Amino acid sequence: MTRIAPVPARVAIAGATGYAGQELVKLLARHPAVTLTDAMSSGATSAPRPLPALKRIWDGTVVPLDIDRLAAGSDVVMLALPEAAAAEIGTALIQRGLRVIDLSGAFRIRSDADRQRWYPATTALPDGVVYALPERHPDAIRGARLASCPGCYPTAALLALEPLAAAGLMEGSVVIDAKSGISGAGKAPSDRTHFCENHGSVAAYGIFSHRHAAEIEQELGTTVTFVPHLVPLDRGILETVYVSLKRGTTEAQVAAALQAAYASAPFVRLTGGDLPEIKHVAYTNFCDIGWKVDESRSRLVLVVVLDNLLKGAASQGVQNLNLMLGLDETTGLR
């Protein structure tokens, strides 16, 4: 049986030393309805250590991963772990009666065959998993046992495209040209993320082989062409999305579908023909969506921006936490 969280809720973080994990610590340490009970590393054998960047925000120490300690001292656990670890620990925690918010991809894919390809460590989805895009599934998230947060690329793409698909305005091809800052690749260093390899360059990668394409297609129910690029920025995502519209679709219909979807969404800002930029959303939980329509050729181009570490990861996780706790979803995020 799921525990009922006291006020303030006891929340712990597993995977607190990565980029998204440290953002979680910053947010939860200041959250007015939460007590941050533990911040743990991604492994059971790591040495305890402070996080200097969080001094006077949170002066605790990151301790080794300990599932028994998580289960004993928390009501909700937020996971910022690699997929294989999240699959094991997330399942074990909900079996012990805790609620879980997972930032990894371990629980995002519902099809067994697709999940075996992209996240083989997750052999089965436990009961109570919800694909946790808060603007689209708030009621389901409120009752979820495990909120599986969307990836950073899919968050941007789905916020732009799902209202159009639901309104029946799309027809034919969808192309998503996506660009991400280097922090999207995670904290572990590699040749691809080396400063000398990225400075002054832009590189496409993962064409027809990126796991986020499966996630986008699952939620949209249609095939997309998804091409991600690595750009020399610390953080931020910009996606240019090309859509074929049904013949006769007007710019007013596109605007109406998006406005109806997000009229009461506190963190989606519609900019219309004033196309947004990454600097408009960096260090925030906002997703900005702009668009241009060519009515004569039934073409639509959307430009979508968000901060990959926040709206694409940590602060979206806290937005989901607020829904699960019955709070205003903006609590601790403004």
C-alpha atoms as a PDB file:
ATOM      1  CA  MET A   1       0.000   0.000   0.000  1.00  0.00           C
ATOM      2  CA  THR A   2       1.329   3.437  -0.915  1.00  0.00           C
ATOM      3  CA  ARG A   3       2.345   5.562   2.037  1.00  0.00           C
ATOM      4  CA  ILE A   4       0.636   8.883   2.636  1.00  0.00           C
ATOM      5  CA  ALA A   5       3.333  11.534   2.875  1.00  0.00           C
ATOM      6  CA  PRO A   6       3.381  13.775   5.943  1.00  0.00           C
ATOM      7  CA  VAL A   7       3.798  17.529   5.627  1.00  0.00           C
ATOM      8  CA  PRO A   8       6.505  18.384   4.875  1.00  0.00           C
ATOM      9  CA  ALA A   9       7.098  15.352   2.675  1.00  0.00           C
ATOM     10  CA  ARG A  10      10.311  13.407   3.204  1.00  0.00           C
ATOM     11  CA  VAL A  11      12.114  13.258  -0.138  1.00  0.00           C
ATOM     12  CA  ALA A  12      15.465  11.690  -0.981  1.00  0.00           C
ATOM     13  CA  ILE A  13      17.625  11.780  -4.094  1.00  0.00           C
ATOM     14  CA  ALA A  14      19.607   8.897  -5.536  1.00  0.00           C
ATOM     15  CA  GLY A  15      22.190  10.069  -8.056  1.00  0.00           C
ATOM     16  CA  ALA A  16      22.793  13.509  -6.574  1.00  0.00           C
ATOM     17  CA  THR A  17      26.259  14.124  -8.034  1.00  0.00           C
ATOM     18  CA  GLY A  18      25.350  14.261 -11.737  1.00  0.00           C
ATOM     19  CA  TYR A  19      24.233  17.444 -13.469  1.00  0.00           C
ATOM     20  CA  ALA A  20      20.515  16.778 -13.091  1.00  0.00           C
ATOM     21  CA  GLY A  21      21.018  15.366  -9.592  1.00  0.00           C
ATOM     22  CA  GLN A  22      22.696  18.535  -8.367  1.00  0.00           C
ATOM     23  CA  GLU A  23      19.863  20.597  -9.829  1.00  0.00           C
ATOM     24  CA  LEU A  24      17.460  18.419  -7.835  1.00  0.00           C
ATOM     25  CA  VAL A  25      19.379  19.122  -4.640  1.00  0.00           C
ATOM     26  CA  LYS A  26      19.188  22.880  -5.269  1.00  0.00           C
ATOM     27  CA  LEU A  27      15.451  22.738  -5.869  1.00  0.00           C
ATOM     28  CA  LEU A  28      14.500  20.423  -3.019  1.00  0.00           C
ATOM     29  CA  ALA A  29      16.728  22.138  -0.452  1.00  0.00           C
ATOM     30  CA  ARG A  30      14.651  25.292  -0.975  1.00  0.00           C
ATOM     31  CA  HIS A  31      11.272  23.634  -1.486  1.00  0.00           C
ATOM     32  CA  PRO A  32       8.787  24.896   1.137  1.00  0.00           C
ATOM     33  CA  ALA A  33       6.837  21.624   1.404  1.00  0.00           C
ATOM     34  CA  VAL A  34       9.737  19.163   1.380  1.00  0.00           C
ATOM     35  CA  THR A  35      12.404  17.921   3.758  1.00  0.00           C
ATOM     36  CA  LEU A  36      15.424  16.652   1.831  1.00  0.00           C
ATOM     37  CA  THR A  37      16.304  13.635   3.922  1.00  0.00           C
ATOM     38  CA  ASP A  38      19.187  12.177   1.914  1.00  0.00           C
ATOM     39  CA  ALA A  39      21.256  12.888  -1.174  1.00  0.00           C
ATOM     40  CA  MET A  40      23.032   9.780  -2.381  1.00  0.00           C
ATOM     41  CA  SER A  41      25.535   9.014  -5.095  1.00  0.00           C
ATOM     42  CA  SER A  42      24.951   6.529  -7.898  1.00  0.00           C
ATOM     43  CA  GLY A  43      26.909   3.719  -6.273  1.00  0.00           C
ATOM     44  CA  ALA A  44      27.081   1.879  -2.959  1.00  0.00           C
ATOM     45  CA  THR A  45      30.881   2.059  -2.768  1.00  0.00           C
ATOM     46  CA  SER A  46      31.486   5.758  -3.431  1.00  0.00           C
ATOM     47  CA  ALA A  47      33.074   7.843  -0.682  1.00  0.00           C
ATOM     48  CA  PRO A  48      30.875  10.417   1.083  1.00  0.00           C
ATOM     49  CA  ARG A  49      31.598  13.920  -0.209  1.00  0.00           C
ATOM     50  CA  PRO A  50      30.247  17.463  -0.085  1.00  0.00           C
ATOM     51  CA  LEU A  51      29.070  19.409  -3.127  1.00  0.00           C
ATOM     52  CA  PRO A  52      30.921  22.756  -3.044  1.00  0.00           C
ATOM     53  CA  ALA A  53      28.594  24.363  -5.607  1.00  0.00           C
ATOM     54  CA  LEU A  54      25.727  23.894  -3.151  1.00  0.00           C
ATOM     55  CA  LYS A  55      27.395  25.520  -0.144  1.00  0.00           C
ATOM     56  CA  ARG A  56      24.852  27.541   1.875  1.00  0.00           C
ATOM     57  CA  ILE A  57      22.081  26.096  -0.287  1.00  0.00           C
ATOM     58  CA  TRP A  58      22.443  22.596   1.116  1.00  0.00           C
ATOM     59  CA  ASP A  59      25.317  21.832   3.462  1.00  0.00           C
ATOM     60  CA  GLY A  60      24.768  18.105   3.726  1.00  0.00           C
ATOM     61  CA  THR A  61      27.049  15.380   2.431  1.00  0.00           C
ATOM     62  CA  VAL A  62      26.373  13.061  -0.462  1.00  0.00           C
ATOM     63  CA  VAL A  63      26.470   9.537   0.919  1.00  0.00           C
ATOM     64  CA  PRO A  64      26.774   6.168  -0.854  1.00  0.00           C
ATOM     65  CA  LEU A  65      23.661   4.649  -2.365  1.00  0.00           C
ATOM     66  CA  ASP A  66      21.760   2.632   0.250  1.00  0.00           C
ATOM     67  CA  ILE A  67      18.315   1.305  -0.673  1.00  0.00           C
ATOM     68  CA  ASP A  68      17.453   0.336   2.911  1.00  0.00           C
ATOM     69  CA  ARG A  69      18.193   3.859   4.110  1.00  0.00           C
ATOM     70  CA  LEU A  70      16.106   5.288   1.270  1.00  0.00           C
ATOM     71  CA  ALA A  71      13.179   3.059   2.165  1.00  0.00           C
ATOM     72  CA  ALA A  72      13.378   3.789   5.886  1.00  0.00           C
ATOM     73  CA  GLY A  73      13.733   7.567   5.743  1.00  0.00           C
ATOM     74  CA  SER A  74      11.685   8.739   2.771  1.00  0.00           C
ATOM     75  CA  ASP A  75       8.179   8.953   1.401  1.00  0.00           C
ATOM     76  CA  VAL A  76       9.254   9.821  -2.135  1.00  0.00           C
ATOM     77  CA  VAL A  77      12.570   9.052  -3.835  1.00  0.00           C
ATOM     78  CA  MET A  78      13.774  10.926  -6.893  1.00  0.00           C
ATOM     79  CA  LEU A  79      16.125   8.921  -9.099  1.00  0.00           C
ATOM     80  CA  ALA A  80      18.801  10.565 -11.251  1.00  0.00           C
ATOM     81  CA  LEU A  81      20.603   7.293 -11.898  1.00  0.00           C
ATOM     82  CA  PRO A  82      21.778   5.413 -14.989  1.00  0.00           C
ATOM     83  CA  GLU A  83      18.986   3.335 -16.539  1.00  0.00           C
ATOM     84  CA  ALA A  84      20.097  -0.073 -15.262  1.00  0.00           C
ATOM     85  CA  ALA A  85      20.388   1.138 -11.675  1.00  0.00           C
ATOM     86  CA  ALA A  86      17.080   3.009 -11.895  1.00  0.00           C
ATOM     87  CA  ALA A  87      15.317  -0.105 -13.202  1.00  0.00           C
ATOM     88  CA  GLU A  88      16.454  -2.139 -10.212  1.00  0.00           C
ATOM     89  CA  ILE A  89      16.099   0.463  -7.474  1.00  0.00           C
ATOM     90  CA  GLY A  90      12.887   2.065  -8.708  1.00  0.00           C
ATOM     91  CA  THR A  91      11.100  -1.281  -8.804  1.00  0.00           C
ATOM     92  CA  ALA A  92      12.391  -2.254  -5.361  1.00  0.00           C
ATOM     93  CA  LEU A  93      11.310   1.039  -3.799  1.00  0.00           C
ATOM     94  CA  ILE A  94       7.717   0.932  -5.017  1.00  0.00           C
ATOM     95  CA  GLN A  95       7.505  -2.662  -3.811  1.00  0.00           C
ATOM     96  CA  ARG A  96       8.389  -1.278  -0.374  1.00  0.00           C
ATOM     97  CA  GLY A  97       5.553   1.221  -0.539  1.00  0.00           C
ATOM     98  CA  LEU A  98       7.416   4.375  -1.536  1.00  0.00           C
ATOM     99  CA  ARG A  99       6.572   6.626  -4.456  1.00  0.00           C
ATOM    100  CA  VAL A 100       9.261   7.191  -7.043  1.00  0.00           C
ATOM    101  CA  ILE A 101      10.068   9.869  -9.611  1.00  0.00           C
ATOM    102  CA  ASP A 102      12.573   8.656 -12.178  1.00  0.00           C
ATOM    103  CA  LEU A 103      14.551  10.951 -14.486  1.00  0.00           C
ATOM    104  CA  SER A 104      16.095   8.094 -16.481  1.00  0.00           C
ATOM    105  CA  GLY A 105      14.583   6.263 -19.425  1.00  0.00           C
ATOM    106  CA  ALA A 106      14.165   2.983 -17.565  1.00  0.00           C
ATOM    107  CA  PHE A 107      10.359   3.077 -17.343  1.00  0.00           C
ATOM    108  CA  ARG A 108       9.346   5.282 -20.297  1.00  0.00           C
ATOM    109  CA  ILE A 109       8.709   2.661 -22.990  1.00  0.00           C
ATOM    110  CA  ARG A 110       5.553   0.577 -22.690  1.00  0.00           C
ATOM    111  CA  SER A 111       6.183  -1.903 -25.526  1.00  0.00           C
ATOM    112  CA  ASP A 112       8.158  -4.904 -24.286  1.00  0.00           C
ATOM    113  CA  ALA A 113       9.950  -5.275 -27.620  1.00  0.00           C
ATOM    114  CA  ASP A 114      10.949  -1.609 -27.837  1.00  0.00           C
ATOM    115  CA  ARG A 115      11.972  -1.519 -24.195  1.00  0.00           C
ATOM    116  CA  GLN A 116      14.143  -4.605 -24.701  1.00  0.00           C
ATOM    117  CA  ARG A 117      15.959  -2.756 -27.479  1.00  0.00           C
ATOM    118  CA  TRP A 118      16.485   0.566 -25.701  1.00  0.00           C
ATOM    119  CA  TYR A 119      16.348  -0.256 -21.974  1.00  0.00           C
ATOM    120  CA  PRO A 120      17.003  -4.000 -21.616  1.00  0.00           C
ATOM    121  CA  ALA A 121      17.580  -3.785 -17.854  1.00  0.00           C
ATOM    122  CA  THR A 122      13.865  -3.076 -17.399  1.00  0.00           C
ATOM    123  CA  THR A 123      12.449  -6.525 -18.036  1.00  0.00           C
ATOM    124  CA  ALA A 124       8.898  -5.498 -17.052  1.00  0.00           C
ATOM    125  CA  LEU A 125       7.071  -2.364 -15.995  1.00  0.00           C
ATOM    126  CA  PRO A 126       5.796  -2.478 -12.410  1.00  0.00           C
ATOM    127  CA  ASP A 127       2.211  -1.504 -11.673  1.00  0.00           C
ATOM    128  CA  GLY A 128       1.527   2.181 -11.231  1.00  0.00           C
ATOM    129  CA  VAL A 129       3.985   3.598 -13.773  1.00  0.00           C
ATOM    130  CA  VAL A 130       2.857   6.784 -15.521  1.00  0.00           C
ATOM    131  CA  TYR A 131       4.573   8.589 -18.388  1.00  0.00           C
ATOM    132  CA  ALA A 132       4.893  11.856 -16.502  1.00  0.00           C
ATOM    133  CA  LEU A 133       4.625  14.819 -18.855  1.00  0.00           C
ATOM    134  CA  PRO A 134       2.826  17.109 -16.392  1.00  0.00           C
ATOM    135  CA  GLU A 135       1.086  19.371 -18.891  1.00  0.00           C
ATOM    136  CA  ARG A 136      -0.451  16.390 -20.657  1.00  0.00           C
ATOM    137  CA  HIS A 137      -1.127  13.827 -17.895  1.00  0.00           C
ATOM    138  CA  PRO A 138      -1.603  15.669 -14.572  1.00  0.00           C
ATOM    139  CA  ASP A 139      -4.450  13.514 -13.223  1.00  0.00           C
ATOM    140  CA  ALA A 140      -2.600  10.269 -13.861  1.00  0.00           C
ATOM    141  CA  ILE A 141       0.559  11.668 -12.272  1.00  0.00           C
ATOM    142  CA  ARG A 142      -1.296  12.633  -9.080  1.00  0.00           C
ATOM    143  CA  GLY A 143      -2.087   8.963  -8.449  1.00  0.00           C
ATOM    144  CA  ALA A 144       1.115   7.445  -9.824  1.00  0.00           C
ATOM    145  CA  ARG A 145       3.310   5.133  -7.835  1.00  0.00           C
ATOM    146  CA  LEU A 146       6.201   5.756 -10.221  1.00  0.00           C
ATOM    147  CA  ALA A 147       6.373   8.898 -12.359  1.00  0.00           C
ATOM    148  CA  SER A 148       8.619   8.269 -15.346  1.00  0.00           C
ATOM    149  CA  CYS A 149       9.752  11.696 -16.493  1.00  0.00           C
ATOM    150  CA  PRO A 150      10.118  12.194 -20.253  1.00  0.00           C
ATOM    151  CA  GLY A 151      13.509  12.744 -21.802  1.00  0.00           C
ATOM    152  CA  CYS A 152      14.642  16.284 -22.524  1.00  0.00           C
ATOM    153  CA  TYR A 153      14.268  16.004 -26.315  1.00  0.00           C
ATOM    154  CA  PRO A 154      10.819  14.331 -26.110  1.00  0.00           C
ATOM    155  CA  THR A 155       9.565  16.921 -23.622  1.00  0.00           C
ATOM    156  CA  ALA A 156      10.110  19.699 -26.154  1.00  0.00           C
ATOM    157  CA  ALA A 157       8.802  17.715 -29.122  1.00  0.00           C
ATOM    158  CA  LEU A 158       5.685  16.391 -27.396  1.00  0.00           C
ATOM    159  CA  LEU A 159       4.658  19.684 -25.853  1.00  0.00           C
ATOM    160  CA  ALA A 160       4.674  21.169 -29.340  1.00  0.00           C
ATOM    161  CA  LEU A 161       3.133  18.288 -31.263  1.00  0.00           C
ATOM    162  CA  GLU A 162       0.630  16.505 -29.024  1.00  0.00           C
ATOM    163  CA  PRO A 163      -2.022  19.266 -29.110  1.00  0.00           C
ATOM    164  CA  LEU A 164      -1.828  19.377 -32.913  1.00  0.00           C
ATOM    165  CA  ALA A 165      -2.127  15.605 -33.192  1.00  0.00           C
ATOM    166  CA  ALA A 166      -5.069  15.587 -30.761  1.00  0.00           C
ATOM    167  CA  ALA A 167      -6.810  18.266 -32.849  1.00  0.00           C
ATOM    168  CA  GLY A 168      -6.345  16.197 -36.015  1.00  0.00           C
ATOM    169  CA  LEU A 169      -4.342  18.905 -37.796  1.00  0.00           C
ATOM    170  CA  MET A 170      -1.286  16.847 -38.738  1.00  0.00           C
ATOM    171  CA  GLU A 171      -0.985  14.719 -41.839  1.00  0.00           C
ATOM    172  CA  GLY A 172       2.109  13.083 -43.270  1.00  0.00           C
ATOM    173  CA  SER A 173       5.702  13.601 -42.233  1.00  0.00           C
ATOM    174  CA  VAL A 174       7.102  15.054 -39.020  1.00  0.00           C
ATOM    175  CA  VAL A 175      10.786  16.020 -38.883  1.00  0.00           C
ATOM    176  CA  ILE A 176      12.433  17.067 -35.615  1.00  0.00           C
ATOM    177  CA  ASP A 177      15.780  18.831 -35.936  1.00  0.00           C
ATOM    178  CA  ALA A 178      17.032  19.008 -32.345  1.00  0.00           C
ATOM    179  CA  LYS A 179      20.070  20.700 -30.824  1.00  0.00           C
ATOM    180  CA  SER A 180      21.282  20.198 -27.267  1.00  0.00           C
ATOM    181  CA  GLY A 181      23.973  21.617 -25.027  1.00  0.00           C
ATOM    182  CA  ILE A 182      26.711  19.280 -23.902  1.00  0.00           C
ATOM    183  CA  SER A 183      25.327  18.709 -20.403  1.00  0.00           C
ATOM    184  CA  GLY A 184      22.626  16.618 -22.086  1.00  0.00           C
ATOM    185  CA  ALA A 185      25.244  13.921 -22.583  1.00  0.00           C
ATOM    186  CA  GLY A 186      25.703  13.573 -18.830  1.00  0.00           C
ATOM    187  CA  LYS A 187      28.635  14.198 -16.514  1.00  0.00           C
ATOM    188  CA  ALA A 188      30.828  11.237 -17.460  1.00  0.00           C
ATOM    189  CA  PRO A 189      33.549  12.525 -19.819  1.00  0.00           C
ATOM    190  CA  SER A 190      34.050  11.120 -23.309  1.00  0.00           C
ATOM    191  CA  ASP A 191      35.726  12.057 -26.578  1.00  0.00           C
ATOM    192  CA  ARG A 192      32.404  13.418 -27.840  1.00  0.00           C
ATOM    193  CA  THR A 193      31.984  15.749 -24.866  1.00  0.00           C
ATOM    194  CA  HIS A 194      35.616  16.906 -24.690  1.00  0.00           C
ATOM    195  CA  PHE A 195      35.942  20.709 -24.933  1.00  0.00           C
ATOM    196  CA  CYS A 196      38.349  20.509 -27.866  1.00  0.00           C
ATOM    197  CA  GLU A 197      35.942  18.307 -29.812  1.00  0.00           C
ATOM    198  CA  ASN A 198      32.943  20.595 -29.322  1.00  0.00           C
ATOM    199  CA  HIS A 199      34.204  24.158 -29.226  1.00  0.00           C
ATOM    200  CA  GLY A 200      33.448  25.880 -32.533  1.00  0.00           C
ATOM    201  CA  SER A 201      31.600  22.883 -33.963  1.00  0.00           C
ATOM    202  CA  VAL A 202      28.130  21.342 -34.331  1.00  0.00           C
ATOM    203  CA  ALA A 203      27.680  17.599 -34.851  1.00  0.00           C
ATOM    204  CA  ALA A 204      24.706  15.407 -35.732  1.00  0.00           C
ATOM    205  CA  TYR A 205      24.509  12.016 -34.050  1.00  0.00           C
ATOM    206  CA  GLY A 206      22.205   9.069 -33.423  1.00  0.00           C
ATOM    207  CA  ILE A 207      20.410   9.310 -36.780  1.00  0.00           C
ATOM    208  CA  PHE A 208      17.788   6.511 -36.946  1.00  0.00           C
ATOM    209  CA  SER A 209      19.275   5.104 -33.751  1.00  0.00           C
ATOM    210  CA  HIS A 210      18.428   7.491 -30.915  1.00  0.00           C
ATOM    211  CA  ARG A 211      16.309   6.053 -28.123  1.00  0.00           C
ATOM    212  CA  HIS A 212      14.280   9.248 -27.750  1.00  0.00           C
ATOM    213  CA  ALA A 213      12.739   8.714 -31.177  1.00  0.00           C
ATOM    214  CA  ALA A 214      10.960   5.623 -29.839  1.00  0.00           C
ATOM    215  CA  GLU A 215       9.608   7.641 -26.923  1.00  0.00           C
ATOM    216  CA  ILE A 216       8.295  10.415 -29.169  1.00  0.00           C
ATOM    217  CA  GLU A 217       6.686   7.933 -31.566  1.00  0.00           C
ATOM    218  CA  GLN A 218       5.073   6.054 -28.680  1.00  0.00           C
ATOM    219  CA  GLU A 219       3.341   9.167 -27.384  1.00  0.00           C
ATOM    220  CA  LEU A 220       2.397  10.618 -30.776  1.00  0.00           C
ATOM    221  CA  GLY A 221       1.335   7.327 -32.333  1.00  0.00           C
ATOM    222  CA  THR A 222       3.137   8.136 -35.569  1.00  0.00           C
ATOM    223  CA  THR A 223       6.576   7.825 -37.155  1.00  0.00           C
ATOM    224  CA  VAL A 224       8.933  10.789 -36.884  1.00  0.00           C
ATOM    225  CA  THR A 225      12.345  11.599 -38.301  1.00  0.00           C
ATOM    226  CA  PHE A 226      14.399  12.715 -35.314  1.00  0.00           C
ATOM    227  CA  VAL A 227      17.916  14.101 -35.778  1.00  0.00           C
ATOM    228  CA  PRO A 228      19.728  15.335 -32.651  1.00  0.00           C
ATOM    229  CA  HIS A 229      22.795  17.578 -32.724  1.00  0.00           C
ATOM    230  CA  LEU A 230      25.400  18.458 -30.110  1.00  0.00           C
ATOM    231  CA  VAL A 231      26.174  22.177 -29.930  1.00  0.00           C
ATOM    232  CA  PRO A 232      28.866  23.966 -27.889  1.00  0.00           C
ATOM    233  CA  LEU A 233      26.615  25.239 -25.093  1.00  0.00           C
ATOM    234  CA  ASP A 234      26.563  24.187 -21.453  1.00  0.00           C
ATOM    235  CA  ARG A 235      22.795  23.711 -21.399  1.00  0.00           C
ATOM    236  CA  GLY A 236      19.624  24.227 -23.368  1.00  0.00           C
ATOM    237  CA  ILE A 237      17.672  22.590 -26.187  1.00  0.00           C
ATOM    238  CA  LEU A 238      16.273  24.103 -29.363  1.00  0.00           C
ATOM    239  CA  GLU A 239      14.119  21.973 -31.653  1.00  0.00           C
ATOM    240  CA  THR A 240      12.937  23.030 -35.086  1.00  0.00           C
ATOM    241  CA  VAL A 241       9.965  20.839 -35.943  1.00  0.00           C
ATOM    242  CA  TYR A 242       8.650  20.520 -39.499  1.00  0.00           C
ATOM    243  CA  VAL A 243       5.050  19.357 -39.862  1.00  0.00           C
ATOM    244  CA  SER A 244       2.803  18.606 -42.827  1.00  0.00           C
ATOM    245  CA  LEU A 245      -0.712  19.855 -42.081  1.00  0.00           C
ATOM    246  CA  LYS A 246      -4.025  18.653 -43.403  1.00  0.00           C
ATOM    247  CA  ARG A 247      -5.034  20.596 -46.487  1.00  0.00           C
ATOM    248  CA  GLY A 248      -6.922  23.733 -45.556  1.00  0.00           C
ATOM    249  CA  THR A 249      -5.526  24.032 -42.016  1.00  0.00           C
ATOM    250  CA  THR A 250      -5.110  27.669 -41.045  1.00  0.00           C
ATOM    251  CA  GLU A 251      -2.669  29.463 -38.787  1.00  0.00           C
ATOM    252  CA  ALA A 252      -5.611  30.345 -36.553  1.00  0.00           C
ATOM    253  CA  GLN A 253      -6.406  26.642 -36.075  1.00  0.00           C
ATOM    254  CA  VAL A 254      -2.804  25.868 -35.109  1.00  0.00           C
ATOM    255  CA  ALA A 255      -2.794  28.732 -32.621  1.00  0.00           C
ATOM    256  CA  ALA A 256      -6.176  27.718 -31.199  1.00  0.00           C
ATOM    257  CA  ALA A 257      -5.050  24.103 -30.613  1.00  0.00           C
ATOM    258  CA  LEU A 258      -1.937  25.197 -28.726  1.00  0.00           C
ATOM    259  CA  GLN A 259      -3.726  27.907 -26.762  1.00  0.00           C
ATOM    260  CA  ALA A 260      -6.480  25.515 -25.700  1.00  0.00           C
ATOM    261  CA  ALA A 261      -3.914  22.956 -24.559  1.00  0.00           C
ATOM    262  CA  TYR A 262      -1.856  25.360 -22.483  1.00  0.00           C
ATOM    263  CA  ALA A 263      -4.287  28.051 -21.325  1.00  0.00           C
ATOM    264  CA  SER A 264      -3.751  27.023 -17.704  1.00  0.00           C
ATOM    265  CA  ALA A 265      -0.218  25.589 -18.005  1.00  0.00           C
ATOM    266  CA  PRO A 266       2.083  27.737 -15.858  1.00  0.00           C
ATOM    267  CA  PHE A 267       5.312  26.620 -17.510  1.00  0.00           C
ATOM    268  CA  VAL A 268       4.463  26.630 -21.227  1.00  0.00           C
ATOM    269  CA  ARG A 269       4.750  29.998 -22.937  1.00  0.00           C
ATOM    270  CA  LEU A 270       3.375  30.399 -26.448  1.00  0.00           C
ATOM    271  CA  THR A 271       5.234  33.021 -28.461  1.00  0.00           C
ATOM    272  CA  GLY A 272       3.464  32.691 -31.829  1.00  0.00           C
ATOM    273  CA  GLY A 273       5.473  34.256 -34.632  1.00  0.00           C
ATOM    274  CA  ASP A 274       8.082  35.659 -32.224  1.00  0.00           C
ATOM    275  CA  LEU A 275      10.352  32.623 -32.302  1.00  0.00           C
ATOM    276  CA  PRO A 276      11.963  31.752 -28.961  1.00  0.00           C
ATOM    277  CA  GLU A 277      15.640  31.272 -28.176  1.00  0.00           C
ATOM    278  CA  ILE A 278      17.518  29.145 -25.650  1.00  0.00           C
ATOM    279  CA  LYS A 279      18.587  32.190 -23.635  1.00  0.00           C
ATOM    280  CA  HIS A 280      14.906  32.920 -22.941  1.00  0.00           C
ATOM    281  CA  VAL A 281      14.483  29.692 -20.940  1.00  0.00           C
ATOM    282  CA  ALA A 282      17.943  28.871 -19.547  1.00  0.00           C
ATOM    283  CA  TYR A 283      17.873  28.193 -15.790  1.00  0.00           C
ATOM    284  CA  THR A 284      14.059  28.038 -15.734  1.00  0.00           C
ATOM    285  CA  ASN A 285      11.266  25.456 -15.900  1.00  0.00           C
ATOM    286  CA  PHE A 286       9.691  27.143 -18.922  1.00  0.00           C
ATOM    287  CA  CYS A 287       9.165  25.616 -22.338  1.00  0.00           C
ATOM    288  CA  ASP A 288       8.618  28.262 -25.023  1.00  0.00           C
ATOM    289  CA  ILE A 289       6.898  27.388 -28.303  1.00  0.00           C
ATOM    290  CA  GLY A 290       6.749  29.573 -31.406  1.00  0.00           C
ATOM    291  CA  TRP A 291       5.539  28.778 -34.915  1.00  0.00           C
ATOM    292  CA  LYS A 292       5.091  29.852 -38.516  1.00  0.00           C
ATOM    293  CA  VAL A 293       2.426  28.478 -40.891  1.00  0.00           C
ATOM    294  CA  ASP A 294       2.514  28.400 -44.693  1.00  0.00           C
ATOM    295  CA  GLU A 295      -1.206  28.002 -45.381  1.00  0.00           C
ATOM    296  CA  SER A 296      -0.801  27.807 -49.159  1.00  0.00           C
ATOM    297  CA  ARG A 297       1.398  24.696 -48.881  1.00  0.00           C
ATOM    298  CA  SER A 298      -0.032  23.278 -45.636  1.00  0.00           C
ATOM    299  CA  ARG A 299       3.302  23.489 -43.851  1.00  0.00           C
ATOM    300  CA  LEU A 300       4.085  24.304 -40.242  1.00  0.00           C
ATOM    301  CA  VAL A 301       7.410  25.009 -38.554  1.00  0.00           C
ATOM    302  CA  LEU A 302       7.561  25.061 -34.758  1.00  0.00           C
ATOM    303  CA  VAL A 303      10.515  26.281 -32.712  1.00  0.00           C
ATOM    304  CA  VAL A 304      10.666  24.908 -29.171  1.00  0.00           C
ATOM    305  CA  VAL A 305      13.204  25.722 -26.445  1.00  0.00           C
ATOM    306  CA  LEU A 306      13.816  24.535 -22.884  1.00  0.00           C
ATOM    307  CA  ASP A 307      16.603  24.002 -20.383  1.00  0.00           C
ATOM    308  CA  ASN A 308      17.593  20.351 -20.664  1.00  0.00           C
ATOM    309  CA  LEU A 309      18.696  20.101 -17.022  1.00  0.00           C
ATOM    310  CA  LEU A 310      15.560  21.742 -15.629  1.00  0.00           C
ATOM    311  CA  LYS A 311      12.361  21.462 -17.697  1.00  0.00           C
ATOM    312  CA  GLY A 312      14.035  18.533 -19.453  1.00  0.00           C
ATOM    313  CA  ALA A 313      14.973  16.813 -16.199  1.00  0.00           C
ATOM    314  CA  ALA A 314      15.168  18.109 -12.602  1.00  0.00           C
ATOM    315  CA  SER A 315      12.543  20.849 -12.377  1.00  0.00           C
ATOM    316  CA  GLN A 316      10.070  18.805 -14.410  1.00  0.00           C
ATOM    317  CA  GLY A 317      10.668  16.075 -11.830  1.00  0.00           C
ATOM    318  CA  VAL A 318       9.817  18.544  -9.061  1.00  0.00           C
ATOM    319  CA  GLN A 319       6.735  19.679 -10.999  1.00  0.00           C
ATOM    320  CA  ASN A 320       5.651  16.034 -11.010  1.00  0.00           C
ATOM    321  CA  LEU A 321       6.492  15.765  -7.297  1.00  0.00           C
ATOM    322  CA  ASN A 322       4.166  18.682  -6.597  1.00  0.00           C
ATOM    323  CA  LEU A 323       1.340  16.962  -8.467  1.00  0.00           C
ATOM    324  CA  MET A 324       1.936  13.698  -6.596  1.00  0.00           C
ATOM    325  CA  LEU A 325       1.841  15.533  -3.256  1.00  0.00           C
ATOM    326  CA  GLY A 326      -1.339  17.430  -4.102  1.00  0.00           C
ATOM    327  CA  LEU A 327       0.471  20.797  -4.215  1.00  0.00           C
ATOM    328  CA  ASP A 328       0.256  23.630  -6.692  1.00  0.00           C
ATOM    329  CA  GLU A 329       2.579  22.473  -9.445  1.00  0.00           C
ATOM    330  CA  THR A 330       4.571  25.717  -9.325  1.00  0.00           C
ATOM    331  CA  THR A 331       5.610  25.215  -5.666  1.00  0.00           C
ATOM    332  CA  GLY A 332       9.344  25.674  -5.303  1.00  0.00           C
ATOM    333  CA  LEU A 333       9.789  26.432  -8.988  1.00  0.00           C
ATOM    334  CA  ARG A 334       9.204  30.182  -9.154  1.00  0.00           C
END
